[in-house]
């Protein structure tokens, strides 16, 4: 192949195809023939031909484009709009904006579904984590408390697990103690694991430095933990 032919091939251009179109066209009730016609329209549009004729489109395909194009317009994937040249001359042009808008909606719906599944899995893991630490199934009241922390107080499952670990380490494994930890963290704007650890360290340092009303008995080499119920 000569350099001139290679140069002509390069200048013929490329089209960018959103991956979501290839992964979602079946769910959007688009056929393979309709997708191919859309790609040809996109190619013409990117080259500045905003209203290719049926003959131009048919020359590129093995099927009659008339019916396919009509279906795409009827299904609301393509529009024919008015345009005006610099001289004020009116002309018609194809628009793929309806297709892009529906692809965006499809993409958002997929993301929302994935996020919902992720949240459901995190909640399931959270209940399992509590049952493992308590060594028994949770009571209806305890399940309700967990649900309130998630739905009413909007605590992240990761933060709830951190509060559970805090209660285990402190030797006070009960829902009242965990609830108090979460209350204190929310009041002080604690939203991440790092913030929770830092907040706990500060209180423990304060507890070690000052004489509390109730002495905390610890074994040699252990670290006294903050009693959240005293707040």
C-alpha atoms as a PDB file:
ATOM      1  CA  UNK A   1       0.000   0.000   0.000  1.00  0.00           C
ATOM      2  CA  UNK A   2       1.419   3.372  -1.011  1.00  0.00           C
ATOM      3  CA  UNK A   3       1.859   6.292   1.373  1.00  0.00           C
ATOM      4  CA  UNK A   4      -0.875   8.217  -0.417  1.00  0.00           C
ATOM      5  CA  UNK A   5      -3.339   5.382   0.117  1.00  0.00           C
ATOM      6  CA  UNK A   6      -2.381   5.115   3.790  1.00  0.00           C
ATOM      7  CA  UNK A   7      -2.811   8.886   4.144  1.00  0.00           C
ATOM      8  CA  UNK A   8      -6.237   8.717   2.495  1.00  0.00           C
ATOM      9  CA  UNK A   9      -7.203   5.896   4.873  1.00  0.00           C
ATOM     10  CA  UNK A  10      -6.124   7.990   7.879  1.00  0.00           C
ATOM     11  CA  UNK A  11      -8.003  11.038   6.605  1.00  0.00           C
ATOM     12  CA  UNK A  12     -11.174   8.982   6.146  1.00  0.00           C
ATOM     13  CA  UNK A  13     -11.628   9.424   9.904  1.00  0.00           C
ATOM     14  CA  UNK A  14     -12.917   7.371  12.806  1.00  0.00           C
ATOM     15  CA  UNK A  15     -16.093   7.343  14.847  1.00  0.00           C
ATOM     16  CA  UNK A  16     -16.353   7.027  18.607  1.00  0.00           C
ATOM     17  CA  UNK A  17     -18.907   4.458  19.762  1.00  0.00           C
ATOM     18  CA  UNK A  18     -20.098   4.630  23.389  1.00  0.00           C
ATOM     19  CA  UNK A  19     -19.631   1.233  24.999  1.00  0.00           C
ATOM     20  CA  UNK A  20     -23.004   1.617  26.690  1.00  0.00           C
ATOM     21  CA  UNK A  21     -24.647   1.559  23.249  1.00  0.00           C
ATOM     22  CA  UNK A  22     -23.178  -1.868  22.511  1.00  0.00           C
ATOM     23  CA  UNK A  23     -24.029  -3.211  25.971  1.00  0.00           C
ATOM     24  CA  UNK A  24     -27.543  -1.746  26.173  1.00  0.00           C
ATOM     25  CA  UNK A  25     -29.054  -1.725  22.683  1.00  0.00           C
ATOM     26  CA  UNK A  26     -30.854  -5.034  23.266  1.00  0.00           C
ATOM     27  CA  UNK A  27     -32.479  -3.699  26.447  1.00  0.00           C
ATOM     28  CA  UNK A  28     -33.479  -0.576  24.516  1.00  0.00           C
ATOM     29  CA  UNK A  29     -35.255  -2.719  21.900  1.00  0.00           C
ATOM     30  CA  UNK A  30     -32.796  -1.881  19.121  1.00  0.00           C
ATOM     31  CA  UNK A  31     -31.921  -4.486  16.491  1.00  0.00           C
ATOM     32  CA  UNK A  32     -28.425  -5.049  15.080  1.00  0.00           C
ATOM     33  CA  UNK A  33     -29.552  -3.550  11.746  1.00  0.00           C
ATOM     34  CA  UNK A  34     -30.795  -0.422  13.521  1.00  0.00           C
ATOM     35  CA  UNK A  35     -27.524  -0.083  15.434  1.00  0.00           C
ATOM     36  CA  UNK A  36     -25.491  -0.361  12.230  1.00  0.00           C
ATOM     37  CA  UNK A  37     -27.624   2.306  10.560  1.00  0.00           C
ATOM     38  CA  UNK A  38     -27.098   4.554  13.597  1.00  0.00           C
ATOM     39  CA  UNK A  39     -23.344   4.078  13.228  1.00  0.00           C
ATOM     40  CA  UNK A  40     -23.508   5.051   9.558  1.00  0.00           C
ATOM     41  CA  UNK A  41     -25.545   8.155  10.440  1.00  0.00           C
ATOM     42  CA  UNK A  42     -23.006   9.027  13.109  1.00  0.00           C
ATOM     43  CA  UNK A  43     -20.215   8.678  10.558  1.00  0.00           C
ATOM     44  CA  UNK A  44     -21.963  11.031   8.141  1.00  0.00           C
ATOM     45  CA  UNK A  45     -22.740  13.545  10.887  1.00  0.00           C
ATOM     46  CA  UNK A  46     -19.134  13.646  12.076  1.00  0.00           C
ATOM     47  CA  UNK A  47     -18.033  14.380   8.511  1.00  0.00           C
ATOM     48  CA  UNK A  48     -20.469  17.290   8.248  1.00  0.00           C
ATOM     49  CA  UNK A  49     -23.171  15.584   6.196  1.00  0.00           C
ATOM     50  CA  UNK A  50     -26.179  16.207   8.444  1.00  0.00           C
ATOM     51  CA  UNK A  51     -28.803  14.729   6.115  1.00  0.00           C
ATOM     52  CA  UNK A  52     -27.453  11.812   4.081  1.00  0.00           C
ATOM     53  CA  UNK A  53     -29.888  10.509   1.478  1.00  0.00           C
ATOM     54  CA  UNK A  54     -31.449   7.065   1.590  1.00  0.00           C
ATOM     55  CA  UNK A  55     -29.343   6.172  -1.446  1.00  0.00           C
ATOM     56  CA  UNK A  56     -26.146   7.124   0.388  1.00  0.00           C
ATOM     57  CA  UNK A  57     -27.122   5.047   3.405  1.00  0.00           C
ATOM     58  CA  UNK A  58     -28.287   2.070   1.317  1.00  0.00           C
ATOM     59  CA  UNK A  59     -24.997   2.015  -0.594  1.00  0.00           C
ATOM     60  CA  UNK A  60     -23.265   1.145   2.671  1.00  0.00           C
ATOM     61  CA  UNK A  61     -25.678  -1.557   3.801  1.00  0.00           C
ATOM     62  CA  UNK A  62     -26.988  -4.840   2.462  1.00  0.00           C
ATOM     63  CA  UNK A  63     -30.531  -3.984   3.561  1.00  0.00           C
ATOM     64  CA  UNK A  64     -33.066  -1.403   2.474  1.00  0.00           C
ATOM     65  CA  UNK A  65     -32.566   1.516   4.874  1.00  0.00           C
ATOM     66  CA  UNK A  66     -35.999   3.055   4.350  1.00  0.00           C
ATOM     67  CA  UNK A  67     -37.876   0.811   6.781  1.00  0.00           C
ATOM     68  CA  UNK A  68     -35.055   0.768   9.328  1.00  0.00           C
ATOM     69  CA  UNK A  69     -34.780   4.546   9.352  1.00  0.00           C
ATOM     70  CA  UNK A  70     -38.555   4.914   9.653  1.00  0.00           C
ATOM     71  CA  UNK A  71     -38.599   2.593  12.693  1.00  0.00           C
ATOM     72  CA  UNK A  72     -35.804   4.511  14.399  1.00  0.00           C
ATOM     73  CA  UNK A  73     -37.730   7.751  13.965  1.00  0.00           C
ATOM     74  CA  UNK A  74     -41.016   6.188  15.124  1.00  0.00           C
ATOM     75  CA  UNK A  75     -39.330   4.699  18.212  1.00  0.00           C
ATOM     76  CA  UNK A  76     -37.894   8.086  19.088  1.00  0.00           C
ATOM     77  CA  UNK A  77     -34.197   7.359  18.643  1.00  0.00           C
ATOM     78  CA  UNK A  78     -33.669   9.805  15.774  1.00  0.00           C
ATOM     79  CA  UNK A  79     -35.187  13.203  15.011  1.00  0.00           C
ATOM     80  CA  UNK A  80     -35.328  15.271  11.865  1.00  0.00           C
ATOM     81  CA  UNK A  81     -34.814  18.916  12.793  1.00  0.00           C
ATOM     82  CA  UNK A  82     -34.550  22.198  10.921  1.00  0.00           C
ATOM     83  CA  UNK A  83     -31.192  23.875  10.513  1.00  0.00           C
ATOM     84  CA  UNK A  84     -30.089  27.147   8.942  1.00  0.00           C
ATOM     85  CA  UNK A  85     -26.950  27.903   7.003  1.00  0.00           C
ATOM     86  CA  UNK A  86     -24.881  31.062   7.454  1.00  0.00           C
ATOM     87  CA  UNK A  87     -26.857  32.539   4.562  1.00  0.00           C
ATOM     88  CA  UNK A  88     -30.123  31.835   6.378  1.00  0.00           C
ATOM     89  CA  UNK A  89     -31.086  28.988   4.099  1.00  0.00           C
ATOM     90  CA  UNK A  90     -33.248  26.386   5.832  1.00  0.00           C
ATOM     91  CA  UNK A  91     -32.272  22.713   5.631  1.00  0.00           C
ATOM     92  CA  UNK A  92     -33.179  19.443   7.329  1.00  0.00           C
ATOM     93  CA  UNK A  93     -30.797  17.435   9.483  1.00  0.00           C
ATOM     94  CA  UNK A  94     -30.792  14.230  11.473  1.00  0.00           C
ATOM     95  CA  UNK A  95     -30.280  14.457  15.221  1.00  0.00           C
ATOM     96  CA  UNK A  96     -29.127  11.604  17.469  1.00  0.00           C
ATOM     97  CA  UNK A  97     -29.785  13.609  20.650  1.00  0.00           C
ATOM     98  CA  UNK A  98     -32.837  11.479  21.592  1.00  0.00           C
ATOM     99  CA  UNK A  99     -30.643   8.369  21.377  1.00  0.00           C
ATOM    100  CA  UNK A 100     -27.940   9.900  23.591  1.00  0.00           C
ATOM    101  CA  UNK A 101     -30.524  11.038  26.150  1.00  0.00           C
ATOM    102  CA  UNK A 102     -31.992   7.538  26.379  1.00  0.00           C
ATOM    103  CA  UNK A 103     -28.514   6.037  26.644  1.00  0.00           C
ATOM    104  CA  UNK A 104     -27.759   8.380  29.544  1.00  0.00           C
ATOM    105  CA  UNK A 105     -30.974   7.296  31.270  1.00  0.00           C
ATOM    106  CA  UNK A 106     -30.083   3.642  30.653  1.00  0.00           C
ATOM    107  CA  UNK A 107     -26.579   4.172  32.037  1.00  0.00           C
ATOM    108  CA  UNK A 108     -27.920   5.912  35.140  1.00  0.00           C
ATOM    109  CA  UNK A 109     -30.463   3.147  35.697  1.00  0.00           C
ATOM    110  CA  UNK A 110     -27.718   0.509  35.490  1.00  0.00           C
ATOM    111  CA  UNK A 111     -25.575   2.433  37.967  1.00  0.00           C
ATOM    112  CA  UNK A 112     -28.510   2.846  40.352  1.00  0.00           C
ATOM    113  CA  UNK A 113     -29.244  -0.877  40.151  1.00  0.00           C
ATOM    114  CA  UNK A 114     -25.610  -1.740  40.874  1.00  0.00           C
ATOM    115  CA  UNK A 115     -25.548   0.694  43.795  1.00  0.00           C
ATOM    116  CA  UNK A 116     -28.759  -0.810  45.198  1.00  0.00           C
ATOM    117  CA  UNK A 117     -27.316  -4.331  44.957  1.00  0.00           C
ATOM    118  CA  UNK A 118     -24.109  -3.143  46.614  1.00  0.00           C
ATOM    119  CA  UNK A 119     -26.027  -1.534  49.494  1.00  0.00           C
ATOM    120  CA  UNK A 120     -28.153  -4.656  49.955  1.00  0.00           C
ATOM    121  CA  UNK A 121     -25.021  -6.821  50.094  1.00  0.00           C
ATOM    122  CA  UNK A 122     -23.392  -4.460  52.601  1.00  0.00           C
ATOM    123  CA  UNK A 123     -26.492  -4.597  54.818  1.00  0.00           C
ATOM    124  CA  UNK A 124     -26.554  -8.403  54.626  1.00  0.00           C
ATOM    125  CA  UNK A 125     -22.869  -8.533  55.543  1.00  0.00           C
ATOM    126  CA  UNK A 126     -23.551  -6.134  58.418  1.00  0.00           C
ATOM    127  CA  UNK A 127     -26.234  -8.359  59.961  1.00  0.00           C
ATOM    128  CA  UNK A 128     -23.952 -11.381  59.542  1.00  0.00           C
ATOM    129  CA  UNK A 129     -21.093  -9.525  61.227  1.00  0.00           C
ATOM    130  CA  UNK A 130     -23.260  -8.663  64.234  1.00  0.00           C
ATOM    131  CA  UNK A 131     -24.519 -12.226  64.595  1.00  0.00           C
ATOM    132  CA  UNK A 132     -20.963 -13.553  64.482  1.00  0.00           C
ATOM    133  CA  UNK A 133     -19.793 -11.167  67.206  1.00  0.00           C
ATOM    134  CA  UNK A 134     -22.831 -11.821  69.412  1.00  0.00           C
ATOM    135  CA  UNK A 135     -22.613 -15.551  68.744  1.00  0.00           C
ATOM    136  CA  UNK A 136     -26.359 -15.854  68.148  1.00  0.00           C
ATOM    137  CA  UNK A 137     -29.169 -14.661  65.853  1.00  0.00           C
ATOM    138  CA  UNK A 138     -30.237 -11.081  66.488  1.00  0.00           C
ATOM    139  CA  UNK A 139     -33.522 -10.431  68.241  1.00  0.00           C
ATOM    140  CA  UNK A 140     -36.325  -8.528  66.460  1.00  0.00           C
ATOM    141  CA  UNK A 141     -35.525  -5.464  68.593  1.00  0.00           C
ATOM    142  CA  UNK A 142     -31.844  -5.642  67.632  1.00  0.00           C
ATOM    143  CA  UNK A 143     -32.718  -6.026  63.945  1.00  0.00           C
ATOM    144  CA  UNK A 144     -34.968  -2.986  64.242  1.00  0.00           C
ATOM    145  CA  UNK A 145     -32.128  -1.014  65.845  1.00  0.00           C
ATOM    146  CA  UNK A 146     -29.820  -1.933  62.992  1.00  0.00           C
ATOM    147  CA  UNK A 147     -32.459  -0.859  60.492  1.00  0.00           C
ATOM    148  CA  UNK A 148     -32.894   2.489  62.254  1.00  0.00           C
ATOM    149  CA  UNK A 149     -29.145   3.144  62.206  1.00  0.00           C
ATOM    150  CA  UNK A 150     -29.148   2.556  58.457  1.00  0.00           C
ATOM    151  CA  UNK A 151     -32.454   4.094  57.348  1.00  0.00           C
ATOM    152  CA  UNK A 152     -33.215   6.786  59.929  1.00  0.00           C
ATOM    153  CA  UNK A 153     -29.755   7.851  61.104  1.00  0.00           C
ATOM    154  CA  UNK A 154     -28.121   7.173  57.709  1.00  0.00           C
ATOM    155  CA  UNK A 155     -24.990   5.644  59.201  1.00  0.00           C
ATOM    156  CA  UNK A 156     -22.703   3.991  56.688  1.00  0.00           C
ATOM    157  CA  UNK A 157     -22.427   0.206  57.237  1.00  0.00           C
ATOM    158  CA  UNK A 158     -18.654   0.631  57.539  1.00  0.00           C
ATOM    159  CA  UNK A 159     -19.113   3.066  60.443  1.00  0.00           C
ATOM    160  CA  UNK A 160     -21.586   0.735  62.160  1.00  0.00           C
ATOM    161  CA  UNK A 161     -19.053  -2.089  61.897  1.00  0.00           C
ATOM    162  CA  UNK A 162     -16.410   0.226  63.385  1.00  0.00           C
ATOM    163  CA  UNK A 163     -18.709   0.993  66.329  1.00  0.00           C
ATOM    164  CA  UNK A 164     -19.272  -2.739  66.780  1.00  0.00           C
ATOM    165  CA  UNK A 165     -15.510  -3.326  66.889  1.00  0.00           C
ATOM    166  CA  UNK A 166     -15.158  -0.494  69.420  1.00  0.00           C
ATOM    167  CA  UNK A 167     -17.712  -2.142  71.692  1.00  0.00           C
ATOM    168  CA  UNK A 168     -16.005  -5.543  71.356  1.00  0.00           C
ATOM    169  CA  UNK A 169     -12.584  -4.129  72.231  1.00  0.00           C
ATOM    170  CA  UNK A 170     -14.042  -2.194  75.150  1.00  0.00           C
ATOM    171  CA  UNK A 171     -15.679  -5.355  76.496  1.00  0.00           C
ATOM    172  CA  UNK A 172     -19.165  -3.814  76.344  1.00  0.00           C
ATOM    173  CA  UNK A 173     -20.897  -5.771  73.590  1.00  0.00           C
ATOM    174  CA  UNK A 174     -24.467  -4.495  73.688  1.00  0.00           C
ATOM    175  CA  UNK A 175     -26.671  -2.404  71.422  1.00  0.00           C
ATOM    176  CA  UNK A 176     -27.062   0.432  73.916  1.00  0.00           C
ATOM    177  CA  UNK A 177     -23.308   0.935  74.004  1.00  0.00           C
ATOM    178  CA  UNK A 178     -23.004   0.773  70.203  1.00  0.00           C
ATOM    179  CA  UNK A 179     -25.884   3.217  69.826  1.00  0.00           C
ATOM    180  CA  UNK A 180     -24.114   5.663  72.123  1.00  0.00           C
ATOM    181  CA  UNK A 181     -20.903   5.386  70.093  1.00  0.00           C
ATOM    182  CA  UNK A 182     -22.788   6.107  66.867  1.00  0.00           C
ATOM    183  CA  UNK A 183     -24.586   9.030  68.503  1.00  0.00           C
ATOM    184  CA  UNK A 184     -21.292  10.588  69.620  1.00  0.00           C
ATOM    185  CA  UNK A 185     -19.677  10.038  66.237  1.00  0.00           C
ATOM    186  CA  UNK A 186     -22.583  11.589  64.351  1.00  0.00           C
ATOM    187  CA  UNK A 187     -22.688  14.553  66.746  1.00  0.00           C
ATOM    188  CA  UNK A 188     -18.997  15.181  66.101  1.00  0.00           C
ATOM    189  CA  UNK A 189     -19.163  14.681  62.335  1.00  0.00           C
ATOM    190  CA  UNK A 190     -17.394  11.321  62.257  1.00  0.00           C
ATOM    191  CA  UNK A 191     -18.013   9.727  58.861  1.00  0.00           C
ATOM    192  CA  UNK A 192     -14.910   7.670  58.050  1.00  0.00           C
ATOM    193  CA  UNK A 193     -12.928   4.906  59.714  1.00  0.00           C
ATOM    194  CA  UNK A 194      -9.905   7.187  59.998  1.00  0.00           C
ATOM    195  CA  UNK A 195     -11.932   9.873  61.775  1.00  0.00           C
ATOM    196  CA  UNK A 196     -13.411   7.278  64.153  1.00  0.00           C
ATOM    197  CA  UNK A 197      -9.982   5.915  65.074  1.00  0.00           C
ATOM    198  CA  UNK A 198      -8.581   9.404  65.622  1.00  0.00           C
ATOM    199  CA  UNK A 199     -11.576  10.396  67.741  1.00  0.00           C
ATOM    200  CA  UNK A 200     -11.243   7.285  69.900  1.00  0.00           C
ATOM    201  CA  UNK A 201      -7.504   7.822  70.403  1.00  0.00           C
ATOM    202  CA  UNK A 202      -8.046  11.378  71.611  1.00  0.00           C
ATOM    203  CA  UNK A 203     -10.579  10.277  74.205  1.00  0.00           C
ATOM    204  CA  UNK A 204      -8.357   7.490  75.434  1.00  0.00           C
ATOM    205  CA  UNK A 205      -5.422   9.843  75.778  1.00  0.00           C
ATOM    206  CA  UNK A 206      -7.636  12.228  77.724  1.00  0.00           C
ATOM    207  CA  UNK A 207      -8.799   9.373  79.938  1.00  0.00           C
ATOM    208  CA  UNK A 208      -5.228   8.340  80.677  1.00  0.00           C
ATOM    209  CA  UNK A 209      -4.121  11.896  81.427  1.00  0.00           C
ATOM    210  CA  UNK A 210      -6.880  12.810  83.866  1.00  0.00           C
ATOM    211  CA  UNK A 211      -8.393  11.193  86.940  1.00  0.00           C
ATOM    212  CA  UNK A 212     -11.919  10.079  86.147  1.00  0.00           C
ATOM    213  CA  UNK A 213     -14.574   9.638  88.805  1.00  0.00           C
ATOM    214  CA  UNK A 214     -14.573   5.891  88.230  1.00  0.00           C
ATOM    215  CA  UNK A 215     -11.124   4.273  87.980  1.00  0.00           C
ATOM    216  CA  UNK A 216     -10.683   2.098  84.904  1.00  0.00           C
ATOM    217  CA  UNK A 217      -8.949  -1.135  85.869  1.00  0.00           C
ATOM    218  CA  UNK A 218      -6.608  -2.468  83.226  1.00  0.00           C
ATOM    219  CA  UNK A 219      -4.117  -5.268  83.004  1.00  0.00           C
ATOM    220  CA  UNK A 220      -0.418  -4.470  82.457  1.00  0.00           C
ATOM    221  CA  UNK A 221       0.304  -3.807  78.817  1.00  0.00           C
ATOM    222  CA  UNK A 222      -3.338  -3.142  77.855  1.00  0.00           C
ATOM    223  CA  UNK A 223      -4.875   0.148  76.757  1.00  0.00           C
ATOM    224  CA  UNK A 224      -7.868   1.555  78.637  1.00  0.00           C
ATOM    225  CA  UNK A 225     -10.807   2.323  76.371  1.00  0.00           C
ATOM    226  CA  UNK A 226     -13.185   5.206  76.442  1.00  0.00           C
ATOM    227  CA  UNK A 227     -16.531   4.564  78.141  1.00  0.00           C
ATOM    228  CA  UNK A 228     -19.001   6.053  75.722  1.00  0.00           C
ATOM    229  CA  UNK A 229     -21.950   5.598  78.095  1.00  0.00           C
ATOM    230  CA  UNK A 230     -20.491   8.149  80.486  1.00  0.00           C
ATOM    231  CA  UNK A 231     -20.890  10.951  77.955  1.00  0.00           C
END
